[in-house]
Protein backbone atom coordinates (compact mmCIF):
# COMPACT_ATOMS: atom_id res chain seq x y z
CA UNK A 1 0.00 0.00 0.00
CA UNK A 2 1.13 3.52 -0.59
CA UNK A 3 3.80 4.68 1.80
CA UNK A 4 4.57 1.25 3.26
CA UNK A 5 8.03 -0.25 2.82
CA UNK A 6 7.82 -2.96 0.17
CA UNK A 7 11.44 -3.68 -0.68
CA UNK A 8 13.16 -3.40 -4.03
CA UNK A 9 11.02 -3.55 -7.15
CA UNK A 10 12.21 -6.28 -9.48
CA UNK A 11 11.29 -5.36 -13.06
CA UNK A 12 10.31 -8.42 -15.07
CA UNK A 13 8.71 -9.04 -18.41
CA UNK A 14 5.45 -10.94 -18.28
CA UNK A 15 2.43 -11.45 -20.45
CA UNK A 16 -0.88 -10.00 -19.34
CA UNK A 17 -4.00 -12.14 -19.39
CA UNK A 18 -6.60 -11.11 -21.97
CA UNK A 19 -8.87 -9.57 -19.31
CA UNK A 20 -5.94 -7.46 -18.05
CA UNK A 21 -5.37 -6.04 -21.54
CA UNK A 22 -9.09 -5.20 -21.66
CA UNK A 23 -8.91 -3.38 -18.33
CA UNK A 24 -5.91 -1.42 -19.59
CA UNK A 25 -7.82 -0.51 -22.78
CA UNK A 26 -10.85 0.52 -20.69
CA UNK A 27 -8.67 2.90 -18.68
CA UNK A 28 -7.29 4.38 -21.91
CA UNK A 29 -10.82 5.02 -23.14
CA UNK A 30 -12.19 6.36 -19.84
CA UNK A 31 -9.32 8.79 -19.31
CA UNK A 32 -9.67 10.22 -22.81
CA UNK A 33 -6.10 9.34 -23.79
CA UNK A 34 -7.22 8.58 -27.34
CA UNK A 35 -9.21 11.80 -27.69
CA UNK A 36 -12.53 10.52 -26.43
CA UNK A 37 -14.67 11.95 -23.67
CA UNK A 38 -12.79 11.99 -20.38
CA UNK A 39 -14.93 10.06 -17.87
CA UNK A 40 -12.30 9.70 -15.16
CA UNK A 41 -8.84 10.82 -14.17
CA UNK A 42 -5.77 8.89 -13.10
CA UNK A 43 -6.08 10.72 -9.77
CA UNK A 44 -9.54 9.17 -9.29
CA UNK A 45 -8.08 5.76 -10.10
CA UNK A 46 -5.41 6.25 -7.45
CA UNK A 47 -7.85 7.68 -4.89
CA UNK A 48 -10.21 4.73 -5.14
CA UNK A 49 -7.36 2.22 -5.03
CA UNK A 50 -6.04 3.92 -1.90
CA UNK A 51 -9.56 3.74 -0.40
CA UNK A 52 -9.47 -0.07 -0.47
CA UNK A 53 -9.00 -1.56 2.96
CA UNK A 54 -5.67 -3.30 3.63
CA UNK A 55 -7.23 -6.78 3.40
CA UNK A 56 -8.85 -6.07 0.02
CA UNK A 57 -5.72 -4.35 -1.27
CA UNK A 58 -3.50 -7.30 -0.33
CA UNK A 59 -5.95 -9.87 -1.72
CA UNK A 60 -6.39 -8.16 -5.12
CA UNK A 61 -4.03 -8.21 -8.06
CA UNK A 62 -2.89 -5.02 -9.78
CA UNK A 63 -5.65 -5.07 -12.40
CA UNK A 64 -8.29 -6.25 -9.93
CA UNK A 65 -7.59 -3.04 -8.00
CA UNK A 66 -8.05 -1.10 -11.24
CA UNK A 67 -11.41 -2.79 -11.89
CA UNK A 68 -12.58 -1.98 -8.38
CA UNK A 69 -11.44 1.63 -8.69
CA UNK A 70 -12.98 2.11 -12.15
CA UNK A 71 -16.27 0.69 -10.87
CA UNK A 72 -16.30 3.01 -7.85
CA UNK A 73 -15.44 6.03 -10.00
CA UNK A 74 -18.22 5.30 -12.50
CA UNK A 75 -20.71 4.94 -9.61
CA UNK A 76 -19.45 8.15 -7.96
CA UNK A 77 -19.77 10.06 -11.23
CA UNK A 78 -23.27 8.70 -11.90
CA UNK A 79 -22.25 6.94 -15.12
CA UNK A 80 -23.71 3.69 -13.78
CA UNK A 81 -25.78 2.87 -10.70
CA UNK A 82 -25.21 -0.02 -8.33
CA UNK A 83 -28.62 -1.35 -9.39
CA UNK A 84 -27.65 -1.35 -13.08
CA UNK A 85 -24.38 -3.03 -12.24
CA UNK A 86 -26.14 -5.66 -10.12
CA UNK A 87 -28.63 -6.46 -12.90
CA UNK A 88 -25.85 -6.86 -15.44
CA UNK A 89 -23.88 -9.12 -13.11
CA UNK A 90 -26.97 -11.32 -12.64
CA UNK A 91 -27.40 -11.57 -16.43
CA UNK A 92 -23.78 -12.64 -16.83
CA UNK A 93 -24.06 -15.21 -14.04
CA UNK A 94 -27.16 -16.71 -15.68
CA UNK A 95 -25.34 -16.98 -19.01
CA UNK A 96 -22.56 -18.92 -17.31
CA UNK A 97 -25.01 -21.47 -15.88
CA UNK A 98 -26.82 -22.11 -19.18
C-alpha atoms as a PDB file:
ATOM      1  CA  UNK A   1       0.000   0.000   0.000  1.00  0.00           C
ATOM      2  CA  UNK A   2       1.135   3.519  -0.595  1.00  0.00           C
ATOM      3  CA  UNK A   3       3.805   4.683   1.804  1.00  0.00           C
ATOM      4  CA  UNK A   4       4.567   1.251   3.258  1.00  0.00           C
ATOM      5  CA  UNK A   5       8.026  -0.251   2.818  1.00  0.00           C
ATOM      6  CA  UNK A   6       7.823  -2.956   0.169  1.00  0.00           C
ATOM      7  CA  UNK A   7      11.438  -3.675  -0.675  1.00  0.00           C
ATOM      8  CA  UNK A   8      13.158  -3.404  -4.026  1.00  0.00           C
ATOM      9  CA  UNK A   9      11.016  -3.547  -7.146  1.00  0.00           C
ATOM     10  CA  UNK A  10      12.213  -6.283  -9.482  1.00  0.00           C
ATOM     11  CA  UNK A  11      11.292  -5.362 -13.060  1.00  0.00           C
ATOM     12  CA  UNK A  12      10.310  -8.418 -15.065  1.00  0.00           C
ATOM     13  CA  UNK A  13       8.707  -9.037 -18.410  1.00  0.00           C
ATOM     14  CA  UNK A  14       5.450 -10.938 -18.284  1.00  0.00           C
ATOM     15  CA  UNK A  15       2.428 -11.451 -20.450  1.00  0.00           C
ATOM     16  CA  UNK A  16      -0.877 -10.005 -19.337  1.00  0.00           C
ATOM     17  CA  UNK A  17      -3.996 -12.141 -19.392  1.00  0.00           C
ATOM     18  CA  UNK A  18      -6.601 -11.114 -21.972  1.00  0.00           C
ATOM     19  CA  UNK A  19      -8.865  -9.567 -19.307  1.00  0.00           C
ATOM     20  CA  UNK A  20      -5.936  -7.455 -18.055  1.00  0.00           C
ATOM     21  CA  UNK A  21      -5.370  -6.039 -21.544  1.00  0.00           C
ATOM     22  CA  UNK A  22      -9.085  -5.201 -21.657  1.00  0.00           C
ATOM     23  CA  UNK A  23      -8.911  -3.376 -18.326  1.00  0.00           C
ATOM     24  CA  UNK A  24      -5.915  -1.417 -19.587  1.00  0.00           C
ATOM     25  CA  UNK A  25      -7.821  -0.512 -22.781  1.00  0.00           C
ATOM     26  CA  UNK A  26     -10.847   0.516 -20.695  1.00  0.00           C
ATOM     27  CA  UNK A  27      -8.668   2.903 -18.680  1.00  0.00           C
ATOM     28  CA  UNK A  28      -7.286   4.378 -21.907  1.00  0.00           C
ATOM     29  CA  UNK A  29     -10.820   5.017 -23.140  1.00  0.00           C
ATOM     30  CA  UNK A  30     -12.185   6.358 -19.838  1.00  0.00           C
ATOM     31  CA  UNK A  31      -9.319   8.795 -19.306  1.00  0.00           C
ATOM     32  CA  UNK A  32      -9.665  10.221 -22.815  1.00  0.00           C
ATOM     33  CA  UNK A  33      -6.102   9.339 -23.787  1.00  0.00           C
ATOM     34  CA  UNK A  34      -7.217   8.577 -27.342  1.00  0.00           C
ATOM     35  CA  UNK A  35      -9.205  11.803 -27.692  1.00  0.00           C
ATOM     36  CA  UNK A  36     -12.534  10.519 -26.426  1.00  0.00           C
ATOM     37  CA  UNK A  37     -14.673  11.955 -23.672  1.00  0.00           C
ATOM     38  CA  UNK A  38     -12.793  11.985 -20.376  1.00  0.00           C
ATOM     39  CA  UNK A  39     -14.928  10.057 -17.874  1.00  0.00           C
ATOM     40  CA  UNK A  40     -12.304   9.704 -15.160  1.00  0.00           C
ATOM     41  CA  UNK A  41      -8.837  10.824 -14.172  1.00  0.00           C
ATOM     42  CA  UNK A  42      -5.768   8.894 -13.102  1.00  0.00           C
ATOM     43  CA  UNK A  43      -6.084  10.719  -9.774  1.00  0.00           C
ATOM     44  CA  UNK A  44      -9.541   9.168  -9.289  1.00  0.00           C
ATOM     45  CA  UNK A  45      -8.084   5.763 -10.098  1.00  0.00           C
ATOM     46  CA  UNK A  46      -5.407   6.251  -7.449  1.00  0.00           C
ATOM     47  CA  UNK A  47      -7.851   7.684  -4.889  1.00  0.00           C
ATOM     48  CA  UNK A  48     -10.211   4.732  -5.140  1.00  0.00           C
ATOM     49  CA  UNK A  49      -7.360   2.215  -5.031  1.00  0.00           C
ATOM     50  CA  UNK A  50      -6.044   3.917  -1.896  1.00  0.00           C
ATOM     51  CA  UNK A  51      -9.561   3.736  -0.398  1.00  0.00           C
ATOM     52  CA  UNK A  52      -9.469  -0.066  -0.465  1.00  0.00           C
ATOM     53  CA  UNK A  53      -9.003  -1.559   2.964  1.00  0.00           C
ATOM     54  CA  UNK A  54      -5.671  -3.296   3.633  1.00  0.00           C
ATOM     55  CA  UNK A  55      -7.232  -6.776   3.402  1.00  0.00           C
ATOM     56  CA  UNK A  56      -8.849  -6.074   0.021  1.00  0.00           C
ATOM     57  CA  UNK A  57      -5.716  -4.350  -1.267  1.00  0.00           C
ATOM     58  CA  UNK A  58      -3.503  -7.305  -0.325  1.00  0.00           C
ATOM     59  CA  UNK A  59      -5.953  -9.873  -1.719  1.00  0.00           C
ATOM     60  CA  UNK A  60      -6.395  -8.165  -5.119  1.00  0.00           C
ATOM     61  CA  UNK A  61      -4.032  -8.210  -8.060  1.00  0.00           C
ATOM     62  CA  UNK A  62      -2.886  -5.020  -9.777  1.00  0.00           C
ATOM     63  CA  UNK A  63      -5.646  -5.075 -12.403  1.00  0.00           C
ATOM     64  CA  UNK A  64      -8.290  -6.253  -9.935  1.00  0.00           C
ATOM     65  CA  UNK A  65      -7.589  -3.040  -7.998  1.00  0.00           C
ATOM     66  CA  UNK A  66      -8.047  -1.099 -11.245  1.00  0.00           C
ATOM     67  CA  UNK A  67     -11.409  -2.791 -11.893  1.00  0.00           C
ATOM     68  CA  UNK A  68     -12.577  -1.983  -8.381  1.00  0.00           C
ATOM     69  CA  UNK A  69     -11.438   1.632  -8.691  1.00  0.00           C
ATOM     70  CA  UNK A  70     -12.978   2.107 -12.149  1.00  0.00           C
ATOM     71  CA  UNK A  71     -16.265   0.693 -10.869  1.00  0.00           C
ATOM     72  CA  UNK A  72     -16.296   3.012  -7.854  1.00  0.00           C
ATOM     73  CA  UNK A  73     -15.437   6.035  -9.995  1.00  0.00           C
ATOM     74  CA  UNK A  74     -18.215   5.305 -12.496  1.00  0.00           C
ATOM     75  CA  UNK A  75     -20.709   4.945  -9.609  1.00  0.00           C
ATOM     76  CA  UNK A  76     -19.446   8.154  -7.957  1.00  0.00           C
ATOM     77  CA  UNK A  77     -19.771  10.065 -11.233  1.00  0.00           C
ATOM     78  CA  UNK A  78     -23.268   8.699 -11.900  1.00  0.00           C
ATOM     79  CA  UNK A  79     -22.249   6.944 -15.119  1.00  0.00           C
ATOM     80  CA  UNK A  80     -23.711   3.690 -13.782  1.00  0.00           C
ATOM     81  CA  UNK A  81     -25.776   2.873 -10.697  1.00  0.00           C
ATOM     82  CA  UNK A  82     -25.215  -0.017  -8.332  1.00  0.00           C
ATOM     83  CA  UNK A  83     -28.621  -1.355  -9.385  1.00  0.00           C
ATOM     84  CA  UNK A  84     -27.648  -1.347 -13.075  1.00  0.00           C
ATOM     85  CA  UNK A  85     -24.379  -3.031 -12.239  1.00  0.00           C
ATOM     86  CA  UNK A  86     -26.142  -5.657 -10.116  1.00  0.00           C
ATOM     87  CA  UNK A  87     -28.625  -6.457 -12.902  1.00  0.00           C
ATOM     88  CA  UNK A  88     -25.847  -6.855 -15.444  1.00  0.00           C
ATOM     89  CA  UNK A  89     -23.877  -9.120 -13.114  1.00  0.00           C
ATOM     90  CA  UNK A  90     -26.970 -11.317 -12.642  1.00  0.00           C
ATOM     91  CA  UNK A  91     -27.402 -11.574 -16.428  1.00  0.00           C
ATOM     92  CA  UNK A  92     -23.779 -12.641 -16.831  1.00  0.00           C
ATOM     93  CA  UNK A  93     -24.062 -15.205 -14.043  1.00  0.00           C
ATOM     94  CA  UNK A  94     -27.165 -16.708 -15.676  1.00  0.00           C
ATOM     95  CA  UNK A  95     -25.344 -16.977 -19.009  1.00  0.00           C
ATOM     96  CA  UNK A  96     -22.561 -18.917 -17.305  1.00  0.00           C
ATOM     97  CA  UNK A  97     -25.015 -21.468 -15.885  1.00  0.00           C
ATOM     98  CA  UNK A  98     -26.823 -22.108 -19.182  1.00  0.00           C
END
